[in-house]
Amino acid sequence: MSDLARRSVLVIGAGGLGGPVALTLAAAGVGRLVLVDDDAIETSNLNRQPLFTEKDVGQRKAAAAAQRLRRLHPGLEVEALDRRFDDASAIELARSVDLLVDGSDNFATKFLASDAAVATGRMLVHGGVLRYTAQLFTVAPGVAGCLRCLFEAAPPPGSVPTCAQAGVLGPLAGTAGSLMAQEALRLLAGERGAYAGRLLIYDARTARARFVPVRKRADCLGCEGGRRVGVAAEPVPAGGGGAA
């Protein structure tokens, strides 16, 4: 059995980002995936969510995604959770895996995922897409800054348009999801990660990418032990988090 076959990954969101992530990790030989998504498949999803087809419209995303992955990779262990990644479940789910990958579509979930990663000492691959822009960032507890070191807090509700409101270039979601999966594989192999300590921003219109340094802030509430999820931080091994 390969090392990857012994590893487990929590994929938050089974859509435009989480779908490509799950497909890539399964094909690479990761042994166990936990998919968390509380949404149903809509026709508008199909241009960027590769796990689904027209016949899946109306089904629950987590279950449909798990079924498709099992057909493609019979030896893969997939757990489908038809629920939201929330305060009640975040810590338990983070502790149950080696690595977190956040492909969610809302700020509250993204900040919660970062807090849970820091609190449990697990590494997190964060990703986001909107219109023609994608961003990637790795939260490496004890090594580099977290999402709150970068943004501090989520923007007020309604101040930033959602994917449904602003739209997303379909192929860009696949590109970002693939890059997130590659980062996850680096972390599972024990590497620091290409996006730890720096945010990648890619503009598909100009095909240009830039990096924004992310430094740990001394007053960051997220790095003070995951206060946002109400638990004390677990010890972080020297050199990285639980996925290293």
Protein backbone atom coordinates (compact mmCIF):
# COMPACT_ATOMS: atom_id res chain seq x y z
CA MET A 1 0.00 0.00 0.00
CA SER A 2 1.36 3.42 -0.96
CA ASP A 3 1.71 6.24 1.55
CA LEU A 4 -1.09 8.16 -0.17
CA ALA A 5 -3.42 5.21 0.23
CA ARG A 6 -3.09 5.66 3.99
CA ARG A 7 -3.90 9.36 3.92
CA SER A 8 -7.26 11.09 4.30
CA VAL A 9 -8.52 14.46 3.11
CA LEU A 10 -11.58 16.51 4.02
CA VAL A 11 -12.97 18.30 0.96
CA ILE A 12 -15.30 21.13 1.95
CA GLY A 13 -17.64 21.70 -0.98
CA ALA A 14 -18.16 19.21 -3.81
CA GLY A 15 -18.73 21.76 -6.59
CA GLY A 16 -16.58 23.81 -8.93
CA LEU A 17 -13.43 23.59 -6.79
CA GLY A 18 -14.09 20.52 -4.68
CA GLY A 19 -15.02 18.38 -7.69
CA PRO A 20 -11.68 18.77 -9.50
CA VAL A 21 -9.87 18.40 -6.17
CA ALA A 22 -11.62 15.12 -5.38
CA LEU A 23 -11.07 13.73 -8.88
CA THR A 24 -7.36 14.54 -8.80
CA LEU A 25 -6.75 13.22 -5.29
CA ALA A 26 -8.62 10.00 -6.05
CA ALA A 27 -6.67 9.47 -9.27
CA ALA A 28 -3.40 10.11 -7.40
CA GLY A 29 -4.19 7.31 -4.96
CA VAL A 30 -5.37 9.08 -1.79
CA GLY A 31 -7.11 6.38 0.23
CA ARG A 32 -9.96 8.23 1.91
CA LEU A 33 -11.97 11.34 1.06
CA VAL A 34 -14.60 12.99 3.22
CA LEU A 35 -16.93 15.22 1.18
CA VAL A 36 -19.00 17.85 2.98
CA ASP A 37 -21.72 19.71 1.08
CA ASP A 38 -25.31 20.60 1.98
CA ASP A 39 -26.44 21.69 -1.47
CA ALA A 40 -28.35 20.12 -4.37
CA ILE A 41 -27.22 20.00 -8.00
CA GLU A 42 -28.67 22.64 -10.34
CA THR A 43 -28.38 22.98 -14.10
CA SER A 44 -26.35 26.17 -13.68
CA ASN A 45 -23.67 24.15 -11.85
CA LEU A 46 -22.83 21.90 -14.79
CA ASN A 47 -20.51 24.30 -16.65
CA ARG A 48 -17.93 24.11 -13.85
CA GLN A 49 -18.69 21.07 -11.67
CA PRO A 50 -17.20 18.01 -13.45
CA LEU A 51 -18.56 15.31 -11.14
CA PHE A 52 -22.14 15.91 -12.32
CA THR A 53 -24.22 15.55 -15.48
CA GLU A 54 -27.78 16.49 -16.47
CA LYS A 55 -29.17 13.28 -14.98
CA ASP A 56 -27.82 14.32 -11.58
CA VAL A 57 -29.79 17.58 -11.41
CA GLY A 58 -31.85 17.66 -8.23
CA GLN A 59 -29.69 15.15 -6.37
CA ARG A 60 -27.66 16.00 -3.29
CA LYS A 61 -24.12 16.98 -4.22
CA ALA A 62 -22.19 15.04 -1.60
CA ALA A 63 -23.93 11.74 -2.33
CA ALA A 64 -23.80 12.14 -6.12
CA ALA A 65 -20.12 13.10 -6.00
CA ALA A 66 -19.28 10.11 -3.80
CA GLN A 67 -21.16 7.75 -6.11
CA ARG A 68 -19.29 9.03 -9.17
CA LEU A 69 -15.91 8.76 -7.45
CA ARG A 70 -16.60 5.19 -6.32
CA ARG A 71 -17.46 4.19 -9.88
CA LEU A 72 -14.23 5.68 -11.18
CA HIS A 73 -12.06 4.38 -8.32
CA PRO A 74 -13.58 1.26 -6.69
CA GLY A 75 -10.82 1.04 -4.09
CA LEU A 76 -11.40 4.58 -2.82
CA GLU A 77 -13.08 5.10 0.55
CA VAL A 78 -15.49 8.02 0.26
CA GLU A 79 -17.67 9.42 3.01
CA ALA A 80 -20.47 11.73 1.89
CA LEU A 81 -21.81 14.20 4.46
CA ASP A 82 -24.94 16.06 3.37
CA ARG A 83 -24.53 18.92 5.81
CA ARG A 84 -22.82 22.25 6.25
CA PHE A 85 -19.31 22.55 7.66
CA ASP A 86 -20.26 24.52 10.77
CA ASP A 87 -19.21 25.31 14.34
CA ALA A 88 -20.74 22.09 15.63
CA SER A 89 -18.83 19.80 13.28
CA ALA A 90 -15.68 21.70 12.27
CA ILE A 91 -13.26 20.47 14.93
CA GLU A 92 -14.41 16.85 14.85
CA LEU A 93 -14.14 16.70 11.07
CA ALA A 94 -10.73 18.39 11.01
CA ARG A 95 -9.37 15.95 13.59
CA SER A 96 -10.61 12.96 11.59
CA VAL A 97 -8.36 13.61 8.56
CA ASP A 98 -4.76 14.43 7.65
CA LEU A 99 -5.52 17.51 5.56
CA LEU A 100 -8.32 19.99 4.81
CA VAL A 101 -9.16 21.44 1.38
CA ASP A 102 -11.64 24.31 1.26
CA GLY A 103 -13.65 24.63 -1.93
CA SER A 104 -16.65 26.31 -0.29
CA ASP A 105 -18.46 29.28 -1.79
CA ASN A 106 -18.99 31.56 1.21
CA PHE A 107 -16.76 33.58 3.52
CA ALA A 108 -18.13 32.24 6.79
CA THR A 109 -17.17 28.68 5.89
CA LYS A 110 -13.75 29.72 4.62
CA PHE A 111 -12.86 31.50 7.86
CA LEU A 112 -14.22 28.63 9.92
CA ALA A 113 -12.08 26.18 7.93
CA SER A 114 -8.99 28.27 8.64
CA ASP A 115 -9.82 28.48 12.34
CA ALA A 116 -10.41 24.73 12.55
CA ALA A 117 -7.13 23.99 10.79
CA VAL A 118 -5.17 26.17 13.23
CA ALA A 119 -7.00 24.77 16.26
CA THR A 120 -6.28 21.15 15.30
CA GLY A 121 -2.84 21.61 13.76
CA ARG A 122 -4.00 20.40 10.34
CA MET A 123 -2.88 22.07 7.14
CA LEU A 124 -5.53 23.64 4.92
CA VAL A 125 -5.53 24.39 1.21
CA HIS A 126 -7.81 27.39 0.63
CA GLY A 127 -9.18 28.30 -2.78
CA GLY A 128 -11.69 30.70 -4.26
CA VAL A 129 -12.95 31.79 -7.68
CA LEU A 130 -15.13 34.71 -8.78
CA ARG A 131 -15.66 35.95 -12.31
CA TYR A 132 -12.21 35.70 -13.95
CA THR A 133 -10.09 35.57 -10.79
CA ALA A 134 -8.85 32.67 -8.70
CA GLN A 135 -6.91 32.68 -5.46
CA LEU A 136 -5.04 29.96 -3.57
CA PHE A 137 -3.46 29.96 -0.13
CA THR A 138 -2.17 27.34 2.28
CA VAL A 139 -2.73 27.64 6.02
CA ALA A 140 0.23 25.93 7.72
CA PRO A 141 -0.24 26.14 11.50
CA GLY A 142 2.96 26.96 13.32
CA VAL A 143 4.75 27.73 10.07
CA ALA A 144 2.94 30.55 8.27
CA GLY A 145 -0.02 32.90 8.68
CA CYS A 146 -3.67 31.85 8.59
CA LEU A 147 -6.57 33.32 6.65
CA ARG A 148 -7.26 35.84 9.43
CA CYS A 149 -3.65 37.04 9.24
CA LEU A 150 -4.47 38.02 5.67
CA PHE A 151 -8.05 39.31 5.84
CA GLU A 152 -8.71 39.40 9.64
CA ALA A 153 -12.46 38.91 9.23
CA ALA A 154 -15.10 38.12 6.65
CA PRO A 155 -16.60 41.09 4.77
CA PRO A 156 -20.10 42.19 5.80
CA PRO A 157 -22.88 40.05 4.29
CA GLY A 158 -23.90 41.33 0.87
CA SER A 159 -20.81 43.50 0.35
CA VAL A 160 -19.22 41.01 -2.08
CA PRO A 161 -21.28 39.31 -4.81
CA THR A 162 -21.65 35.54 -4.73
CA CYS A 163 -20.71 33.22 -7.59
CA ALA A 164 -24.39 32.97 -8.47
CA GLN A 165 -24.65 36.76 -8.69
CA ALA A 166 -21.36 37.61 -10.40
CA GLY A 167 -20.70 34.43 -12.35
CA VAL A 168 -17.59 32.28 -12.71
CA LEU A 169 -15.58 31.35 -15.78
CA GLY A 170 -16.18 27.59 -15.82
CA PRO A 171 -12.71 26.42 -16.91
CA LEU A 172 -11.10 28.67 -14.30
CA ALA A 173 -12.73 26.67 -11.51
CA GLY A 174 -11.22 23.50 -12.96
CA THR A 175 -7.79 25.12 -13.18
CA ALA A 176 -7.94 26.38 -9.60
CA GLY A 177 -9.22 23.04 -8.32
CA SER A 178 -6.38 21.22 -10.05
CA LEU A 179 -3.81 23.57 -8.50
CA MET A 180 -5.39 23.06 -5.09
CA ALA A 181 -5.15 19.29 -5.49
CA GLN A 182 -1.50 19.54 -6.52
CA GLU A 183 -0.82 21.59 -3.39
CA ALA A 184 -2.64 19.00 -1.28
CA LEU A 185 -0.46 16.24 -2.71
CA ARG A 186 2.68 18.23 -1.91
CA LEU A 187 1.52 18.64 1.69
CA LEU A 188 0.60 14.97 2.02
CA ALA A 189 4.12 14.14 0.83
CA GLY A 190 5.55 16.17 3.72
CA GLU A 191 6.52 19.30 1.80
CA ARG A 192 5.88 22.81 3.05
CA GLY A 193 3.65 23.70 0.12
CA ALA A 194 3.96 26.25 -2.66
CA TYR A 195 1.34 28.61 -1.20
CA ALA A 196 2.24 28.56 2.51
CA GLY A 197 2.93 32.11 3.56
CA ARG A 198 1.81 33.63 0.28
CA LEU A 199 -1.48 34.12 -1.55
CA LEU A 200 -1.60 33.31 -5.26
CA ILE A 201 -3.95 35.53 -7.29
CA TYR A 202 -4.53 34.55 -10.92
CA ASP A 203 -6.39 36.70 -13.48
CA ALA A 204 -7.67 34.58 -16.36
CA ARG A 205 -8.32 37.62 -18.58
CA THR A 206 -4.66 38.60 -18.70
CA ALA A 207 -3.19 35.17 -17.86
CA ARG A 208 -1.13 36.86 -15.16
CA ALA A 209 -0.43 35.67 -11.64
CA ARG A 210 0.96 37.46 -8.63
CA PHE A 211 1.83 36.53 -5.08
CA VAL A 212 0.91 38.46 -1.94
CA PRO A 213 3.06 37.69 1.14
CA VAL A 214 1.08 36.54 4.18
CA ARG A 215 2.86 37.14 7.47
CA LYS A 216 1.72 35.94 10.87
CA ARG A 217 0.15 38.78 12.83
CA ALA A 218 0.89 38.90 16.55
CA ASP A 219 -2.71 39.92 17.31
CA CYS A 220 -4.39 37.37 15.02
CA LEU A 221 -7.35 35.72 16.79
CA GLY A 222 -7.18 32.74 14.45
CA CYS A 223 -3.56 31.97 15.30
CA GLU A 224 -4.29 32.32 19.02
CA GLY A 225 -5.69 28.82 19.04
CA GLY A 226 -8.76 28.85 16.85
CA ARG A 227 -10.81 31.04 19.19
CA ARG A 228 -13.50 31.41 16.57
CA VAL A 229 -14.43 27.75 17.01
CA GLY A 230 -14.21 27.89 20.79
CA VAL A 231 -11.47 25.32 21.48
CA ALA A 232 -7.86 25.40 22.55
CA ALA A 233 -5.26 24.65 19.93
CA GLU A 234 -3.66 21.23 19.82
CA PRO A 235 0.14 20.99 19.76
CA VAL A 236 1.63 21.52 16.32
CA PRO A 237 4.58 19.27 15.38
CA ALA A 238 7.80 21.08 14.59
CA GLY A 239 7.96 22.00 10.94
CA GLY A 240 4.29 21.73 10.08
CA GLY A 241 0.79 20.57 10.82
CA GLY A 242 -0.85 17.20 11.04
CA ALA A 243 -0.60 16.49 7.31
CA ALA A 244 3.17 16.79 7.13
